[in-house]
Amino acid sequence: MKFTKLSLVAALAVSAAFAGGDIEPVAAPVVAEFPQTTIGGKATAYYYSDDAADDMFGNDSSALGTAVTLDVTHKFNANIAANVTAIGFANVLDENLYAGIGGYFEQERSGAFINVANITANFADTTFVLGRQLLDTPMIGGFDWLLAPGAFEAYTAVNSSIENLTLVGTYIRTWRPNNSGTEFIDISNNGDDNNWAVGAAYSSSFSASAWYYNVDALGYSQVYVDGGYDFDVLKVAAQYVNTDWDFTDASNAYGAKVTATLGSFNLMGAYVLVDSNVVGYVGRDGLYTSSWNTLGLSQGDTFKVEAGTEFAGITASASYAYYEYEQYAATTDNNEGHEVDVILGYDMKDSALGLLSAIDLNLVYTNTNYGDDSSDINALEVYANYKF
């Protein structure tokens, strides 16, 4: 569930031609005509099964969902656009309360909702996104898992006036968590609570970001800082997260990560220590040791190793992560857990395949123990997308 293909703003393409010296003249640029409307989307089929309460593929452990996502962008002029993403879904199998997705996909037999509905306005180097949108920040965001990513009603500004530096500010009013159904939840407590974030991200050979979060809805404020350097074949990074809880001890998380390329393999090793208390988050987290099912937010030591490669058009990765759960130590004999992930993907990009070239196929196998005296849970997820 950790694939986060999300963006704070719609992509903005600007082209310019500069000429000097003795060169041939070029044709006059074509002036875009407005308004413009573009439509795209995808059809998804998603199968999930685990052995938490039944044998794998059993009647009580499997779910199959389908969905159609329709993306519409209407540009009023070169600077202002309206964006809408509508999603309709239907479950194929009967409700299975013991499946790891919690019953039906999106918790209903079938339904539809508007996941994104906003106005995007671009002025000079600043973009404003007003309305329902996808957020992608280290500690607030939406998983792109199952049929649709989690989304927010928010008011966001992004500025890129300084080269390689992006400044972001967002105020959040409602939230539709991933796989929660068709409704957006008011997390502002009818306006009494304020949930917002500001951040700055620098990207070059040296990269760094700093974020401050105020989340009244969950009772904490938070500082997130990371930094890293790209040595070409070797990259190193470190992070720190302080969660200042209103009614309990603060939490401090310290992380380090190394990634490297060895031949055709991409390798990663990471370590995170969380002391005193668990880390706060909304929808997602950016800790280095988080896996497909498990977030690295719990108190204790965690580490993760991963290897990935591509062969014959198939992308493949395998990872192992170890987690301590110090908060369970007083109530259970088992306060250690782990997760193994094997992820395969095939994108049928060959244009000779015609319509099939728009399909991607994916398989995810996970083995997870959550450190609460339960046995390992094996899960299999198989899904396909057809993009149009």
Protein backbone atom coordinates (compact mmCIF):
# COMPACT_ATOMS: atom_id res chain seq x y z
CA MET A 1 0.00 0.00 0.00
CA LYS A 2 3.05 2.21 0.09
CA PHE A 3 3.24 3.16 -3.58
CA THR A 4 2.59 6.81 -3.47
CA LYS A 5 2.14 8.12 -7.08
CA LEU A 6 0.83 11.43 -5.83
CA SER A 7 1.47 15.15 -6.57
CA LEU A 8 0.72 18.42 -4.83
CA VAL A 9 0.04 20.28 -8.05
CA ALA A 10 -0.94 19.57 -11.61
CA ALA A 11 2.02 19.44 -14.01
CA LEU A 12 2.59 22.75 -15.75
CA ALA A 13 4.48 22.74 -19.07
CA VAL A 14 6.06 25.96 -20.32
CA SER A 15 8.25 26.11 -23.45
CA ALA A 16 10.40 28.98 -24.73
CA ALA A 17 12.85 29.44 -27.61
CA PHE A 18 16.00 31.55 -27.35
CA ALA A 19 18.10 32.27 -30.44
CA GLY A 20 21.24 34.28 -31.13
CA GLY A 21 23.91 34.58 -33.83
CA ASP A 22 23.64 33.61 -37.44
CA ILE A 23 20.90 30.95 -37.53
CA GLU A 24 17.97 30.13 -39.75
CA PRO A 25 14.64 31.73 -38.76
CA VAL A 26 12.05 29.41 -37.25
CA ALA A 27 8.32 29.30 -37.74
CA ALA A 28 6.18 31.37 -35.41
CA PRO A 29 5.01 29.42 -32.35
CA VAL A 30 1.46 28.15 -32.33
CA VAL A 31 -0.62 30.09 -29.83
CA ALA A 32 -2.74 27.80 -27.69
CA GLU A 33 -6.46 28.37 -27.90
CA PHE A 34 -8.59 28.33 -24.77
CA PRO A 35 -10.66 26.94 -23.25
CA GLN A 36 -9.18 23.40 -23.51
CA THR A 37 -10.52 20.16 -22.05
CA THR A 38 -8.57 16.93 -21.69
CA ILE A 39 -10.00 13.60 -20.53
CA GLY A 40 -8.16 10.46 -19.44
CA GLY A 41 -8.29 7.78 -16.84
CA LYS A 42 -7.94 4.09 -16.11
CA ALA A 43 -9.87 0.90 -15.42
CA THR A 44 -8.67 -1.22 -12.50
CA ALA A 45 -9.24 -4.80 -11.34
CA TYR A 46 -7.81 -5.70 -7.92
CA TYR A 47 -7.70 -9.09 -6.18
CA TYR A 48 -6.72 -9.45 -2.51
CA SER A 49 -6.38 -12.56 -0.35
CA ASP A 50 -4.70 -13.43 2.97
CA ASP A 51 -4.62 -16.25 5.52
CA ALA A 52 -5.28 -14.21 8.67
CA ALA A 53 -8.58 -15.98 9.40
CA ASP A 54 -8.80 -18.67 6.71
CA ASP A 55 -6.66 -20.48 4.19
CA MET A 56 -5.30 -18.32 1.42
CA PHE A 57 -7.91 -17.99 -1.34
CA GLY A 58 -10.65 -19.17 1.04
CA ASN A 59 -14.21 -17.86 0.96
CA ASP A 60 -13.63 -15.65 4.01
CA SER A 61 -10.27 -14.25 2.99
CA SER A 62 -10.58 -13.03 -0.59
CA ALA A 63 -11.92 -9.90 -2.26
CA LEU A 64 -12.12 -8.72 -5.87
CA GLY A 65 -12.88 -5.13 -6.76
CA THR A 66 -13.15 -3.16 -9.99
CA ALA A 67 -13.08 0.57 -10.61
CA VAL A 68 -13.06 3.17 -13.36
CA THR A 69 -11.21 6.44 -12.73
CA LEU A 70 -12.00 9.43 -14.96
CA ASP A 71 -9.69 12.47 -14.94
CA VAL A 72 -10.92 15.71 -16.51
CA THR A 73 -8.95 18.94 -16.77
CA HIS A 74 -10.52 22.09 -18.20
CA LYS A 75 -8.14 24.99 -18.86
CA PHE A 76 -9.93 28.33 -18.88
CA ASN A 77 -6.71 30.08 -19.94
CA ALA A 78 -2.95 29.58 -19.66
CA ASN A 79 -3.03 30.15 -15.89
CA ILE A 80 -6.28 28.76 -14.49
CA ALA A 81 -7.69 25.24 -14.74
CA ALA A 82 -10.34 23.08 -13.11
CA ASN A 83 -9.48 19.45 -12.28
CA VAL A 84 -11.94 16.67 -11.48
CA THR A 85 -11.34 12.97 -10.77
CA ALA A 86 -14.45 10.79 -10.55
CA ILE A 87 -14.30 7.16 -9.42
CA GLY A 88 -16.94 4.47 -9.79
CA PHE A 89 -16.36 1.05 -8.22
CA ALA A 90 -18.02 -2.33 -7.79
CA ASN A 91 -17.09 -5.41 -5.75
CA VAL A 92 -17.34 -8.73 -7.57
CA LEU A 93 -17.24 -11.08 -4.55
CA ASP A 94 -19.46 -11.08 -1.48
CA GLU A 95 -18.32 -9.09 1.56
CA ASN A 96 -15.52 -10.84 3.47
CA LEU A 97 -15.03 -9.24 6.87
CA TYR A 98 -11.87 -11.24 7.51
CA ALA A 99 -10.02 -10.08 4.42
CA GLY A 100 -7.27 -7.59 5.22
CA ILE A 101 -9.01 -4.80 3.33
CA GLY A 102 -11.82 -4.83 5.93
CA GLY A 103 -14.72 -6.34 3.94
CA TYR A 104 -15.69 -4.78 0.64
CA PHE A 105 -13.28 -2.57 -1.27
CA GLU A 106 -14.21 1.00 -0.23
CA GLN A 107 -16.51 -0.60 2.41
CA GLU A 108 -19.53 -0.74 0.08
CA ARG A 109 -20.77 -3.18 -2.57
CA SER A 110 -20.64 -0.43 -5.19
CA GLY A 111 -20.61 3.32 -5.36
CA ALA A 112 -19.07 6.45 -6.82
CA PHE A 113 -17.39 9.58 -5.53
CA ILE A 114 -15.44 12.65 -6.57
CA ASN A 115 -11.90 12.23 -5.25
CA VAL A 116 -10.45 15.40 -6.78
CA ALA A 117 -12.28 18.65 -7.53
CA ASN A 118 -10.18 21.80 -7.49
CA ILE A 119 -9.15 24.99 -9.15
CA THR A 120 -5.45 25.30 -9.99
CA ALA A 121 -4.18 28.82 -10.57
CA ASN A 122 -0.64 29.64 -11.68
CA PHE A 123 0.76 33.15 -11.27
CA ALA A 124 4.44 33.71 -12.08
CA ASP A 125 6.30 31.15 -9.91
CA THR A 126 3.41 30.38 -7.55
CA THR A 127 0.68 27.78 -7.97
CA PHE A 128 -2.50 27.65 -5.87
CA VAL A 129 -4.60 24.48 -5.59
CA LEU A 130 -8.01 25.10 -4.00
CA GLY A 131 -10.37 22.21 -3.23
CA ARG A 132 -10.20 18.42 -3.19
CA GLN A 133 -6.70 17.28 -4.07
CA LEU A 134 -3.97 14.69 -3.57
CA LEU A 135 -1.25 15.60 -1.07
CA ASP A 136 2.25 14.17 -1.03
CA THR A 137 4.29 15.37 1.95
CA PRO A 138 6.51 13.26 4.22
CA MET A 139 4.00 12.88 7.09
CA ILE A 140 0.65 13.84 5.56
CA GLY A 141 -0.58 12.29 2.33
CA GLY A 142 -2.67 9.56 0.77
CA PHE A 143 -1.65 6.01 -0.07
CA ASP A 144 -2.22 5.10 -3.71
CA TRP A 145 -3.40 1.59 -2.81
CA LEU A 146 -6.35 -0.59 -3.90
CA LEU A 147 -8.91 1.29 -6.01
CA ALA A 148 -8.15 4.97 -5.29
CA PRO A 149 -5.66 7.09 -3.33
CA GLY A 150 -6.64 8.93 -0.18
CA ALA A 151 -7.48 12.59 -0.80
CA PHE A 152 -8.01 15.86 1.06
CA GLU A 153 -9.98 19.06 0.78
CA ALA A 154 -7.23 21.60 1.20
CA TYR A 155 -5.93 24.99 0.16
CA THR A 156 -2.35 24.73 -1.05
CA ALA A 157 0.27 27.17 -2.34
CA VAL A 158 3.54 26.13 -4.00
CA ASN A 159 6.30 28.57 -4.89
CA SER A 160 9.44 27.89 -6.96
CA SER A 161 10.91 31.38 -7.35
CA ILE A 162 14.33 30.26 -6.09
CA GLU A 163 16.20 27.77 -8.26
CA ASN A 164 16.09 24.19 -6.92
CA LEU A 165 13.95 25.31 -3.95
CA THR A 166 10.24 24.60 -3.55
CA LEU A 167 8.16 26.21 -0.80
CA VAL A 168 4.81 24.67 0.17
CA GLY A 169 1.99 25.65 2.47
CA THR A 170 -1.31 23.80 2.87
CA TYR A 171 -4.37 24.12 5.11
CA ILE A 172 -6.49 20.96 5.38
CA ARG A 173 -10.20 20.86 6.11
CA THR A 174 -11.43 17.36 5.21
CA TRP A 175 -9.91 13.93 4.51
CA ARG A 176 -11.02 10.79 2.70
CA PRO A 177 -8.67 8.05 4.00
CA ASN A 178 -7.60 5.33 1.59
CA ASN A 179 -10.19 2.53 1.23
CA SER A 180 -12.63 4.30 3.56
CA GLY A 181 -15.61 4.78 1.26
CA THR A 182 -17.19 7.69 -0.53
CA GLU A 183 -17.32 10.34 2.21
CA PHE A 184 -14.82 13.03 3.19
CA ILE A 185 -14.37 13.42 6.97
CA ASP A 186 -14.41 16.91 8.50
CA ILE A 187 -11.18 16.97 10.54
CA SER A 188 -11.52 20.67 11.36
CA ASN A 189 -14.07 19.97 14.14
CA ASN A 190 -16.45 22.46 12.52
CA GLY A 191 -13.67 25.00 12.26
CA ASP A 192 -12.37 24.74 15.83
CA ASP A 193 -9.32 22.65 14.87
CA ASN A 194 -6.57 23.77 12.52
CA ASN A 195 -4.61 21.27 10.46
CA TRP A 196 -1.87 22.69 8.29
CA ALA A 197 1.67 22.18 7.07
CA VAL A 198 4.49 24.33 5.71
CA GLY A 199 7.62 23.00 4.10
CA ALA A 200 10.68 23.74 2.03
CA ALA A 201 12.45 21.25 -0.24
CA TYR A 202 15.83 21.73 -1.95
CA SER A 203 16.83 19.37 -4.75
CA SER A 204 20.25 19.02 -6.35
CA SER A 205 23.21 16.68 -5.74
CA PHE A 206 22.56 17.67 -2.14
CA SER A 207 18.88 17.47 -1.24
CA ALA A 208 17.08 18.49 1.93
CA SER A 209 13.61 19.26 3.20
CA ALA A 210 12.11 20.72 6.35
CA TRP A 211 8.44 20.57 7.36
CA TYR A 212 6.31 21.80 10.23
CA TYR A 213 2.90 20.20 10.85
CA ASN A 214 0.09 21.35 13.10
CA VAL A 215 -2.55 18.59 13.44
CA ASP A 216 -5.18 19.62 15.99
CA ALA A 217 -7.42 16.76 14.87
CA LEU A 218 -4.99 14.22 16.38
CA GLY A 219 -3.48 16.41 19.08
CA TYR A 220 0.10 17.04 17.99
CA SER A 221 2.55 19.32 16.25
CA GLN A 222 5.54 17.95 14.39
CA VAL A 223 8.91 18.84 12.89
CA TYR A 224 10.30 16.76 10.02
CA VAL A 225 13.81 17.27 8.59
CA ASP A 226 15.79 15.20 6.10
CA GLY A 227 18.90 15.57 3.99
CA GLY A 228 20.96 13.52 1.60
CA TYR A 229 23.76 13.53 -0.93
CA ASP A 230 23.96 11.79 -4.30
CA PHE A 231 27.41 10.31 -5.00
CA ASP A 232 26.13 8.90 -8.32
CA VAL A 233 26.34 5.15 -7.63
CA LEU A 234 25.85 5.71 -3.86
CA LYS A 235 23.32 7.88 -2.07
CA VAL A 236 23.16 8.60 1.65
CA ALA A 237 20.30 10.21 3.56
CA ALA A 238 19.26 10.98 7.13
CA GLN A 239 16.02 12.14 8.75
CA TYR A 240 14.67 13.38 12.08
CA VAL A 241 11.04 13.62 13.20
CA ASN A 242 9.83 15.17 16.46
CA THR A 243 6.16 14.66 17.35
CA ASP A 244 5.03 16.87 20.23
CA TRP A 245 1.86 15.17 21.55
CA ASP A 246 -0.59 17.31 23.53
CA PHE A 247 -1.48 14.66 26.14
CA THR A 248 1.50 12.29 26.31
CA ASP A 249 5.27 12.14 25.92
CA ALA A 250 6.88 13.52 22.80
CA SER A 251 8.40 11.20 20.22
CA ASN A 252 11.76 11.48 18.48
CA ALA A 253 12.63 9.43 15.38
CA TYR A 254 16.13 9.22 13.90
CA GLY A 255 16.71 7.57 10.53
CA ALA A 256 19.57 6.80 8.14
CA LYS A 257 19.48 5.27 4.68
CA VAL A 258 22.00 4.17 2.06
CA THR A 259 21.09 3.27 -1.53
CA ALA A 260 23.50 1.95 -4.15
CA THR A 261 23.57 0.55 -7.67
CA LEU A 262 25.45 -2.69 -8.23
CA GLY A 263 25.28 -3.78 -11.85
CA SER A 264 21.59 -4.10 -12.70
CA PHE A 265 20.52 -4.17 -9.04
CA ASN A 266 19.36 -1.28 -6.86
CA LEU A 267 20.14 -1.89 -3.19
CA MET A 268 18.88 -0.13 -0.06
CA GLY A 269 19.56 -0.40 3.66
CA ALA A 270 17.88 1.74 6.33
CA TYR A 271 17.69 2.08 10.11
CA VAL A 272 15.21 4.09 12.21
CA LEU A 273 15.11 4.52 16.00
CA VAL A 274 11.88 5.82 17.54
CA ASP A 275 12.19 6.72 21.22
CA SER A 276 9.71 7.55 24.00
CA ASN A 277 6.51 7.27 21.94
CA VAL A 278 5.03 6.50 18.53
CA VAL A 279 5.28 8.95 15.63
CA GLY A 280 2.24 10.97 14.46
CA TYR A 281 1.07 10.83 10.86
CA VAL A 282 -1.99 11.37 8.65
CA GLY A 283 -2.54 8.92 5.82
CA ARG A 284 1.11 8.06 5.16
CA ASP A 285 4.62 8.46 6.49
CA GLY A 286 8.05 9.06 5.04
CA LEU A 287 10.16 6.98 7.43
CA TYR A 288 12.85 4.97 5.69
CA THR A 289 11.91 1.59 7.17
CA SER A 290 8.20 1.61 6.29
CA SER A 291 6.99 -1.34 4.20
CA TRP A 292 3.93 -2.30 2.14
CA ASN A 293 1.82 -3.17 5.20
CA THR A 294 3.80 -1.82 8.15
CA LEU A 295 4.63 1.79 8.96
CA GLY A 296 7.90 2.35 10.80
CA LEU A 297 6.20 4.58 13.38
CA SER A 298 6.21 2.35 16.47
CA GLN A 299 8.52 2.90 19.42
CA GLY A 300 11.76 0.92 19.16
CA ASP A 301 14.46 -0.05 16.66
CA THR A 302 13.62 -0.83 13.04
CA PHE A 303 15.71 -1.71 10.02
CA LYS A 304 15.00 -2.63 6.41
CA VAL A 305 16.97 -4.02 3.47
CA GLU A 306 15.76 -4.12 -0.13
CA ALA A 307 16.99 -5.16 -3.57
CA GLY A 308 15.36 -4.38 -6.91
CA THR A 309 16.04 -4.93 -10.59
CA GLU A 310 14.43 -4.98 -14.04
CA PHE A 311 14.58 -7.88 -16.49
CA ALA A 312 12.73 -8.36 -19.79
CA GLY A 313 10.42 -5.48 -18.94
CA ILE A 314 9.55 -6.87 -15.49
CA THR A 315 10.42 -4.76 -12.45
CA ALA A 316 11.06 -6.80 -9.30
CA SER A 317 11.92 -5.97 -5.70
CA ALA A 318 12.29 -7.95 -2.48
CA SER A 319 12.65 -6.51 1.01
CA TYR A 320 12.89 -7.56 4.65
CA ALA A 321 12.08 -5.26 7.57
CA TYR A 322 12.36 -5.82 11.34
CA TYR A 323 10.28 -3.84 13.84
CA GLU A 324 10.30 -3.43 17.61
CA TYR A 325 7.03 -2.54 19.38
CA GLU A 326 8.13 -1.25 22.77
CA GLN A 327 4.60 -0.03 23.53
CA TYR A 328 3.48 -3.71 23.62
CA ALA A 329 6.19 -4.86 26.04
CA ALA A 330 3.99 -4.65 29.17
CA THR A 331 1.06 -6.61 27.69
CA THR A 332 2.53 -9.25 25.39
CA ASP A 333 5.46 -11.64 25.26
CA ASN A 334 6.08 -10.70 21.64
CA ASN A 335 7.05 -7.12 20.94
CA GLU A 336 9.04 -7.85 17.78
CA GLY A 337 7.68 -8.14 14.26
CA HIS A 338 8.80 -8.28 10.68
CA GLU A 339 7.66 -7.96 7.08
CA VAL A 340 8.81 -9.59 3.86
CA ASP A 341 7.67 -8.04 0.56
CA VAL A 342 8.06 -9.38 -2.98
CA ILE A 343 6.72 -7.02 -5.66
CA LEU A 344 6.57 -7.65 -9.42
CA GLY A 345 5.35 -5.30 -12.14
CA TYR A 346 5.04 -5.48 -15.90
CA ASP A 347 4.11 -2.47 -18.04
CA MET A 348 3.04 -3.52 -21.55
CA LYS A 349 4.48 -0.49 -23.34
CA ASP A 350 5.18 -2.13 -26.72
CA SER A 351 3.09 -0.16 -29.22
CA ALA A 352 2.82 -3.27 -31.42
CA LEU A 353 0.44 -4.69 -28.85
CA GLY A 354 -2.22 -2.10 -29.72
CA LEU A 355 -4.72 -1.65 -26.91
CA LEU A 356 -2.76 -4.03 -24.68
CA SER A 357 0.14 -1.54 -24.55
CA ALA A 358 -1.89 0.56 -22.11
CA ILE A 359 -2.06 -2.25 -19.51
CA ASP A 360 0.17 -2.74 -16.49
CA LEU A 361 0.12 -5.96 -14.42
CA ASN A 362 1.27 -6.17 -10.80
CA LEU A 363 1.72 -8.81 -8.10
CA VAL A 364 2.53 -8.25 -4.42
CA TYR A 365 3.27 -11.01 -1.90
CA THR A 366 3.71 -10.06 1.76
CA ASN A 367 4.49 -11.97 4.95
CA THR A 368 3.79 -9.82 8.00
CA ASN A 369 4.01 -10.23 11.78
CA TYR A 370 2.83 -7.25 13.80
CA GLY A 371 4.52 -8.21 17.08
CA ASP A 372 1.33 -8.94 19.06
CA ASP A 373 1.65 -12.72 19.61
CA SER A 374 -0.17 -13.41 16.34
CA SER A 375 1.26 -15.73 13.71
CA ASP A 376 2.60 -14.52 10.40
CA ILE A 377 0.00 -13.33 7.89
CA ASN A 378 0.57 -14.16 4.23
CA ALA A 379 -1.18 -11.96 1.68
CA LEU A 380 -1.34 -11.91 -2.10
CA GLU A 381 -2.44 -8.92 -4.16
CA VAL A 382 -2.82 -9.05 -7.94
CA TYR A 383 -4.03 -6.02 -9.88
CA ALA A 384 -4.13 -4.62 -13.39
CA ASN A 385 -4.71 -1.14 -14.79
CA TYR A 386 -5.84 -0.19 -18.28
CA LYS A 387 -5.01 3.46 -18.99
CA PHE A 388 -6.97 5.47 -21.53
